[in-house]
Amino acid sequence: MRLALFDLDGTLVDRRSAFTNAISDLTRTHGYGPDVEHWMLIHLADRAGPDDFAQLSEIFNLDESAADLWRAYVDRMAAAVTCRPAVLDSLARLKAASWSIGVATNGASDIQRAKIRATGLADLIDGIAASGDIDVRKPDPRLFELAAARCGTQISRGDWMIGDNPENDIVGGHKAGLMTVWVRGRPWPESLSVPHHSVDDVTDAIDYLLTHPPE
């Protein structure tokens, strides 16, 4: 059984639009002003964790606890995040072809798993490794190795990493011994080694895996 590891945010799910919708809903329902909303949009744009909401609560002297704010954010992100039906269908085809499917993602464990459950991805994924599980972030090879282990296997020849982040997903995947597919979108730094394959959409990456034998 061959292994395909996927990044989550920006690859399998659309975090960007979910993020702005979640922040807008959170500030509206809690009655926060534009200063709080602007702080969250700037400081949480790339990633968010419980410590960020402790900082938010302290800076703006909010009545809600950091834990309650974090939970509210997690719930709203899970409600707002989407995974396109075409992506779910492609993953189902990959699974039907006897591939093991894993997710290697940076982020707090509870919010990343909430996204996976909310989008229907949980039914298609064999194992998940979030950086919050072991306090190790991509591009550290240990996160990819943990994702493989949670799929009941280990990284071997012919296994792949698919993601949109040149350093975290592609360089990290290389270091872990994986073949890589880059989902274009971010600028590619000239100093980095090139991926094995590049596509415009994660569904194209899955099509490539399904039609190309192990290298």
C-alpha atoms as a PDB file:
ATOM      1  CA  MET A   1       0.000   0.000   0.000  1.00  0.00           C
ATOM      2  CA  ARG A   2       1.439   3.342  -1.066  1.00  0.00           C
ATOM      3  CA  LEU A   3       1.201   6.411   1.139  1.00  0.00           C
ATOM      4  CA  ALA A   4       0.084   9.928   0.252  1.00  0.00           C
ATOM      5  CA  LEU A   5       0.434  12.636   2.889  1.00  0.00           C
ATOM      6  CA  PHE A   6      -1.404  15.922   2.422  1.00  0.00           C
ATOM      7  CA  ASP A   7      -1.145  19.360   3.926  1.00  0.00           C
ATOM      8  CA  LEU A   8      -4.487  20.613   5.260  1.00  0.00           C
ATOM      9  CA  ASP A   9      -4.821  24.425   5.100  1.00  0.00           C
ATOM     10  CA  GLY A  10      -4.560  25.783   1.583  1.00  0.00           C
ATOM     11  CA  THR A  11      -4.292  22.293   0.112  1.00  0.00           C
ATOM     12  CA  LEU A  12      -7.292  20.196   1.138  1.00  0.00           C
ATOM     13  CA  VAL A  13      -9.372  22.956   2.719  1.00  0.00           C
ATOM     14  CA  ASP A  14      -9.846  26.684   2.145  1.00  0.00           C
ATOM     15  CA  ARG A  15      -8.629  28.235   5.393  1.00  0.00           C
ATOM     16  CA  ARG A  16      -8.370  31.768   4.037  1.00  0.00           C
ATOM     17  CA  SER A  17     -12.064  32.419   3.413  1.00  0.00           C
ATOM     18  CA  ALA A  18     -13.071  30.414   6.485  1.00  0.00           C
ATOM     19  CA  PHE A  19     -10.747  32.554   8.600  1.00  0.00           C
ATOM     20  CA  THR A  20     -12.226  35.896   7.585  1.00  0.00           C
ATOM     21  CA  ASN A  21     -15.770  34.576   8.017  1.00  0.00           C
ATOM     22  CA  ALA A  22     -14.966  33.129  11.449  1.00  0.00           C
ATOM     23  CA  ILE A  23     -13.363  36.350  12.691  1.00  0.00           C
ATOM     24  CA  SER A  24     -16.255  38.439  11.406  1.00  0.00           C
ATOM     25  CA  ASP A  25     -18.784  36.191  13.149  1.00  0.00           C
ATOM     26  CA  LEU A  26     -16.777  36.074  16.377  1.00  0.00           C
ATOM     27  CA  THR A  27     -16.432  39.845  16.646  1.00  0.00           C
ATOM     28  CA  ARG A  28     -20.085  40.416  15.785  1.00  0.00           C
ATOM     29  CA  THR A  29     -21.540  37.922  18.261  1.00  0.00           C
ATOM     30  CA  HIS A  30     -19.254  39.085  21.082  1.00  0.00           C
ATOM     31  CA  GLY A  31     -19.842  42.755  20.372  1.00  0.00           C
ATOM     32  CA  TYR A  32     -16.171  43.545  19.782  1.00  0.00           C
ATOM     33  CA  GLY A  33     -15.109  46.705  18.002  1.00  0.00           C
ATOM     34  CA  PRO A  34     -12.987  47.110  14.870  1.00  0.00           C
ATOM     35  CA  ASP A  35      -9.735  47.257  16.840  1.00  0.00           C
ATOM     36  CA  VAL A  36     -10.181  43.717  18.135  1.00  0.00           C
ATOM     37  CA  GLU A  37     -11.242  42.453  14.724  1.00  0.00           C
ATOM     38  CA  HIS A  38      -8.277  44.100  13.030  1.00  0.00           C
ATOM     39  CA  TRP A  39      -5.844  42.624  15.588  1.00  0.00           C
ATOM     40  CA  MET A  40      -7.176  39.118  14.958  1.00  0.00           C
ATOM     41  CA  LEU A  41      -7.129  39.497  11.179  1.00  0.00           C
ATOM     42  CA  ILE A  42      -3.484  40.574  11.304  1.00  0.00           C
ATOM     43  CA  HIS A  43      -2.044  38.386  14.056  1.00  0.00           C
ATOM     44  CA  LEU A  44      -3.947  35.174  13.307  1.00  0.00           C
ATOM     45  CA  ALA A  45      -3.733  35.319   9.516  1.00  0.00           C
ATOM     46  CA  ASP A  46      -1.161  32.535   9.161  1.00  0.00           C
ATOM     47  CA  ARG A  47      -2.003  30.420  12.188  1.00  0.00           C
ATOM     48  CA  ALA A  48      -3.766  30.653  15.534  1.00  0.00           C
ATOM     49  CA  GLY A  49      -3.467  28.910  18.865  1.00  0.00           C
ATOM     50  CA  PRO A  50      -4.690  29.214  22.452  1.00  0.00           C
ATOM     51  CA  ASP A  51      -1.752  31.464  23.393  1.00  0.00           C
ATOM     52  CA  ASP A  52      -2.845  34.009  20.804  1.00  0.00           C
ATOM     53  CA  PHE A  53      -6.206  34.373  22.510  1.00  0.00           C
ATOM     54  CA  ALA A  54      -4.552  34.782  25.887  1.00  0.00           C
ATOM     55  CA  GLN A  55      -2.618  37.676  24.360  1.00  0.00           C
ATOM     56  CA  LEU A  56      -5.780  39.079  22.781  1.00  0.00           C
ATOM     57  CA  SER A  57      -7.679  38.964  26.060  1.00  0.00           C
ATOM     58  CA  GLU A  58      -4.835  40.672  27.902  1.00  0.00           C
ATOM     59  CA  ILE A  59      -4.247  43.429  25.332  1.00  0.00           C
ATOM     60  CA  PHE A  60      -7.908  44.430  25.092  1.00  0.00           C
ATOM     61  CA  ASN A  61      -8.908  43.536  28.665  1.00  0.00           C
ATOM     62  CA  LEU A  62     -11.751  41.316  27.459  1.00  0.00           C
ATOM     63  CA  ASP A  63     -14.270  39.781  29.841  1.00  0.00           C
ATOM     64  CA  GLU A  64     -14.134  36.337  28.221  1.00  0.00           C
ATOM     65  CA  SER A  65     -11.379  33.936  29.213  1.00  0.00           C
ATOM     66  CA  ALA A  66      -8.741  32.960  26.690  1.00  0.00           C
ATOM     67  CA  ALA A  67     -10.010  29.361  26.795  1.00  0.00           C
ATOM     68  CA  ASP A  68     -13.564  30.429  25.974  1.00  0.00           C
ATOM     69  CA  LEU A  69     -12.382  32.661  23.152  1.00  0.00           C
ATOM     70  CA  TRP A  70     -10.272  29.869  21.694  1.00  0.00           C
ATOM     71  CA  ARG A  71     -13.194  27.449  21.807  1.00  0.00           C
ATOM     72  CA  ALA A  72     -15.457  30.009  20.149  1.00  0.00           C
ATOM     73  CA  TYR A  73     -12.881  30.498  17.401  1.00  0.00           C
ATOM     74  CA  VAL A  74     -12.454  26.744  16.873  1.00  0.00           C
ATOM     75  CA  ASP A  75     -16.226  26.278  16.591  1.00  0.00           C
ATOM     76  CA  ARG A  76     -16.565  29.100  14.080  1.00  0.00           C
ATOM     77  CA  MET A  77     -13.654  27.902  11.978  1.00  0.00           C
ATOM     78  CA  ALA A  78     -15.139  24.425  11.850  1.00  0.00           C
ATOM     79  CA  ALA A  79     -18.488  25.883  10.793  1.00  0.00           C
ATOM     80  CA  ALA A  80     -16.924  28.066   8.100  1.00  0.00           C
ATOM     81  CA  VAL A  81     -14.247  25.823   6.559  1.00  0.00           C
ATOM     82  CA  THR A  82     -14.983  23.950   3.335  1.00  0.00           C
ATOM     83  CA  CYS A  83     -13.529  21.142   1.279  1.00  0.00           C
ATOM     84  CA  ARG A  84     -14.700  21.073  -2.311  1.00  0.00           C
ATOM     85  CA  PRO A  85     -16.709  18.002  -3.390  1.00  0.00           C
ATOM     86  CA  ALA A  86     -14.188  17.446  -6.198  1.00  0.00           C
ATOM     87  CA  VAL A  87     -11.421  17.073  -3.597  1.00  0.00           C
ATOM     88  CA  LEU A  88     -13.452  14.591  -1.559  1.00  0.00           C
ATOM     89  CA  ASP A  89     -14.239  12.608  -4.713  1.00  0.00           C
ATOM     90  CA  SER A  90     -10.571  12.539  -5.732  1.00  0.00           C
ATOM     91  CA  LEU A  91      -9.507  11.328  -2.295  1.00  0.00           C
ATOM     92  CA  ALA A  92     -12.168   8.620  -2.451  1.00  0.00           C
ATOM     93  CA  ARG A  93     -10.703   7.445  -5.771  1.00  0.00           C
ATOM     94  CA  LEU A  94      -7.229   7.409  -4.248  1.00  0.00           C
ATOM     95  CA  LYS A  95      -8.463   5.361  -1.311  1.00  0.00           C
ATOM     96  CA  ALA A  96     -10.276   2.961  -3.636  1.00  0.00           C
ATOM     97  CA  ALA A  97      -6.969   2.435  -5.439  1.00  0.00           C
ATOM     98  CA  SER A  98      -5.499   1.104  -2.166  1.00  0.00           C
ATOM     99  CA  TRP A  99      -3.551   4.183  -1.171  1.00  0.00           C
ATOM    100  CA  SER A 100      -3.153   5.063   2.479  1.00  0.00           C
ATOM    101  CA  ILE A 101      -4.046   8.736   3.041  1.00  0.00           C
ATOM    102  CA  GLY A 102      -2.604  10.883   5.806  1.00  0.00           C
ATOM    103  CA  VAL A 103      -2.516  14.517   6.831  1.00  0.00           C
ATOM    104  CA  ALA A 104       0.616  16.289   8.094  1.00  0.00           C
ATOM    105  CA  THR A 105      -0.386  19.755   9.244  1.00  0.00           C
ATOM    106  CA  ASN A 106       0.967  22.582  11.327  1.00  0.00           C
ATOM    107  CA  GLY A 107      -1.539  23.858  13.859  1.00  0.00           C
ATOM    108  CA  ALA A 108      -3.199  23.134  17.175  1.00  0.00           C
ATOM    109  CA  SER A 109      -4.582  19.615  17.387  1.00  0.00           C
ATOM    110  CA  ASP A 110      -8.152  20.523  18.316  1.00  0.00           C
ATOM    111  CA  ILE A 111      -8.761  23.050  15.553  1.00  0.00           C
ATOM    112  CA  GLN A 112      -7.146  20.951  12.813  1.00  0.00           C
ATOM    113  CA  ARG A 113      -9.183  17.894  13.762  1.00  0.00           C
ATOM    114  CA  ALA A 114     -12.337  20.010  14.002  1.00  0.00           C
ATOM    115  CA  LYS A 115     -11.798  21.122  10.397  1.00  0.00           C
ATOM    116  CA  ILE A 116     -11.256  17.559   9.258  1.00  0.00           C
ATOM    117  CA  ARG A 117     -14.441  16.344  10.935  1.00  0.00           C
ATOM    118  CA  ALA A 118     -16.529  19.279   9.702  1.00  0.00           C
ATOM    119  CA  THR A 119     -15.545  18.894   6.056  1.00  0.00           C
ATOM    120  CA  GLY A 120     -16.102  15.143   5.709  1.00  0.00           C
ATOM    121  CA  LEU A 121     -12.382  14.443   5.353  1.00  0.00           C
ATOM    122  CA  ALA A 122     -12.357  12.235   8.462  1.00  0.00           C
ATOM    123  CA  ASP A 123     -14.035   9.417   6.533  1.00  0.00           C
ATOM    124  CA  LEU A 124     -11.234   9.378   3.961  1.00  0.00           C
ATOM    125  CA  ILE A 125      -8.119   9.880   6.082  1.00  0.00           C
ATOM    126  CA  ASP A 126      -6.237   7.046   7.740  1.00  0.00           C
ATOM    127  CA  GLY A 127      -4.039   9.130  10.040  1.00  0.00           C
ATOM    128  CA  ILE A 128      -3.479  12.715  11.156  1.00  0.00           C
ATOM    129  CA  ALA A 129      -0.406  14.372  12.635  1.00  0.00           C
ATOM    130  CA  ALA A 130      -0.775  17.989  13.772  1.00  0.00           C
ATOM    131  CA  SER A 131       2.168  19.976  15.052  1.00  0.00           C
ATOM    132  CA  GLY A 132       0.278  20.554  18.284  1.00  0.00           C
ATOM    133  CA  ASP A 133       0.397  16.800  18.963  1.00  0.00           C
ATOM    134  CA  ILE A 134       4.145  16.740  19.630  1.00  0.00           C
ATOM    135  CA  ASP A 135       5.175  20.416  19.482  1.00  0.00           C
ATOM    136  CA  VAL A 136       7.095  19.806  16.261  1.00  0.00           C
ATOM    137  CA  ARG A 137       6.290  21.763  13.113  1.00  0.00           C
ATOM    138  CA  LYS A 138       6.874  21.133   9.430  1.00  0.00           C
ATOM    139  CA  PRO A 139       9.405  21.129   7.823  1.00  0.00           C
ATOM    140  CA  ASP A 140      10.744  18.919  10.649  1.00  0.00           C
ATOM    141  CA  PRO A 141      10.758  15.347   9.232  1.00  0.00           C
ATOM    142  CA  ARG A 142       9.387  13.990  12.513  1.00  0.00           C
ATOM    143  CA  LEU A 143       5.918  15.324  11.754  1.00  0.00           C
ATOM    144  CA  PHE A 144       5.803  13.463   8.444  1.00  0.00           C
ATOM    145  CA  GLU A 145       7.064  10.317  10.139  1.00  0.00           C
ATOM    146  CA  LEU A 146       4.340  10.629  12.783  1.00  0.00           C
ATOM    147  CA  ALA A 147       1.687  11.041  10.088  1.00  0.00           C
ATOM    148  CA  ALA A 148       2.914   7.865   8.392  1.00  0.00           C
ATOM    149  CA  ALA A 149       2.921   5.987  11.690  1.00  0.00           C
ATOM    150  CA  ARG A 150      -0.654   7.056  12.364  1.00  0.00           C
ATOM    151  CA  CYS A 151      -1.567   5.593   8.997  1.00  0.00           C
ATOM    152  CA  GLY A 152      -0.113   2.310  10.239  1.00  0.00           C
ATOM    153  CA  THR A 153       2.996   2.434   8.078  1.00  0.00           C
ATOM    154  CA  GLN A 154       6.373   4.116   7.667  1.00  0.00           C
ATOM    155  CA  ILE A 155       7.748   6.294   4.893  1.00  0.00           C
ATOM    156  CA  SER A 156       9.207   4.251   2.049  1.00  0.00           C
ATOM    157  CA  ARG A 157      10.117   4.574  -1.613  1.00  0.00           C
ATOM    158  CA  GLY A 158       7.182   5.678  -3.752  1.00  0.00           C
ATOM    159  CA  ASP A 159       5.409   7.645  -0.989  1.00  0.00           C
ATOM    160  CA  TRP A 160       4.371  11.269  -1.533  1.00  0.00           C
ATOM    161  CA  MET A 161       3.766  14.591   0.184  1.00  0.00           C
ATOM    162  CA  ILE A 162       1.338  17.058  -1.405  1.00  0.00           C
ATOM    163  CA  GLY A 163       1.103  20.654  -0.234  1.00  0.00           C
ATOM    164  CA  ASP A 164       1.103  24.342  -1.113  1.00  0.00           C
ATOM    165  CA  ASN A 165       3.924  25.594   1.114  1.00  0.00           C
ATOM    166  CA  PRO A 166       7.337  25.404  -0.599  1.00  0.00           C
ATOM    167  CA  GLU A 167       9.409  25.108   2.572  1.00  0.00           C
ATOM    168  CA  ASN A 168       7.072  23.372   5.013  1.00  0.00           C
ATOM    169  CA  ASP A 169       5.583  20.829   2.623  1.00  0.00           C
ATOM    170  CA  ILE A 170       8.050  20.391  -0.213  1.00  0.00           C
ATOM    171  CA  VAL A 171      11.428  20.876   1.471  1.00  0.00           C
ATOM    172  CA  GLY A 172      10.107  19.124   4.567  1.00  0.00           C
ATOM    173  CA  GLY A 173       8.810  16.258   2.466  1.00  0.00           C
ATOM    174  CA  HIS A 174      12.172  15.901   0.741  1.00  0.00           C
ATOM    175  CA  LYS A 175      13.947  15.745   4.098  1.00  0.00           C
ATOM    176  CA  ALA A 176      11.568  13.026   5.255  1.00  0.00           C
ATOM    177  CA  GLY A 177      12.313  10.909   2.184  1.00  0.00           C
ATOM    178  CA  LEU A 178       9.066  11.614   0.330  1.00  0.00           C
ATOM    179  CA  MET A 179       8.414  12.443  -3.287  1.00  0.00           C
ATOM    180  CA  THR A 180       6.622  15.780  -3.493  1.00  0.00           C
ATOM    181  CA  VAL A 181       3.881  17.539  -5.413  1.00  0.00           C
ATOM    182  CA  TRP A 182       3.610  21.295  -5.023  1.00  0.00           C
ATOM    183  CA  VAL A 183       0.146  22.845  -5.346  1.00  0.00           C
ATOM    184  CA  ARG A 184       0.954  26.228  -6.887  1.00  0.00           C
ATOM    185  CA  GLY A 185      -0.244  29.472  -5.352  1.00  0.00           C
ATOM    186  CA  ARG A 186       2.536  30.851  -3.183  1.00  0.00           C
ATOM    187  CA  PRO A 187       5.703  32.281  -4.758  1.00  0.00           C
ATOM    188  CA  TRP A 188       8.466  29.694  -5.118  1.00  0.00           C
ATOM    189  CA  PRO A 189      11.777  30.804  -3.507  1.00  0.00           C
ATOM    190  CA  GLU A 190      14.615  30.432  -5.998  1.00  0.00           C
ATOM    191  CA  SER A 191      16.918  29.064  -3.310  1.00  0.00           C
ATOM    192  CA  LEU A 192      14.792  25.954  -2.740  1.00  0.00           C
ATOM    193  CA  SER A 193      15.123  22.671  -4.583  1.00  0.00           C
ATOM    194  CA  VAL A 194      12.287  22.045  -7.021  1.00  0.00           C
ATOM    195  CA  PRO A 195       9.456  19.604  -6.281  1.00  0.00           C
ATOM    196  CA  HIS A 196       9.119  16.355  -8.208  1.00  0.00           C
ATOM    197  CA  HIS A 197       5.894  17.642  -9.769  1.00  0.00           C
ATOM    198  CA  SER A 198       3.797  20.822  -9.721  1.00  0.00           C
ATOM    199  CA  VAL A 199       0.053  21.291 -10.245  1.00  0.00           C
ATOM    200  CA  ASP A 200      -2.542  24.035 -10.053  1.00  0.00           C
ATOM    201  CA  ASP A 201      -5.015  22.093  -7.920  1.00  0.00           C
ATOM    202  CA  VAL A 202      -4.844  19.264  -5.409  1.00  0.00           C
ATOM    203  CA  THR A 203      -7.206  17.204  -7.579  1.00  0.00           C
ATOM    204  CA  ASP A 204      -4.563  17.337 -10.331  1.00  0.00           C
ATOM    205  CA  ALA A 205      -2.021  16.037  -7.820  1.00  0.00           C
ATOM    206  CA  ILE A 206      -4.236  13.073  -7.027  1.00  0.00           C
ATOM    207  CA  ASP A 207      -4.766  12.369 -10.723  1.00  0.00           C
ATOM    208  CA  TYR A 208      -0.984  12.367 -11.124  1.00  0.00           C
ATOM    209  CA  LEU A 209      -0.517   9.848  -8.311  1.00  0.00           C
ATOM    210  CA  LEU A 210      -3.176   7.583  -9.783  1.00  0.00           C
ATOM    211  CA  THR A 211      -1.663   7.550 -13.261  1.00  0.00           C
ATOM    212  CA  HIS A 212       2.064   7.341 -12.528  1.00  0.00           C
ATOM    213  CA  PRO A 213       3.845   4.220 -11.239  1.00  0.00           C
ATOM    214  CA  PRO A 214       6.331   4.426  -8.368  1.00  0.00           C
ATOM    215  CA  GLU A 215       9.613   6.105  -9.322  1.00  0.00           C
END
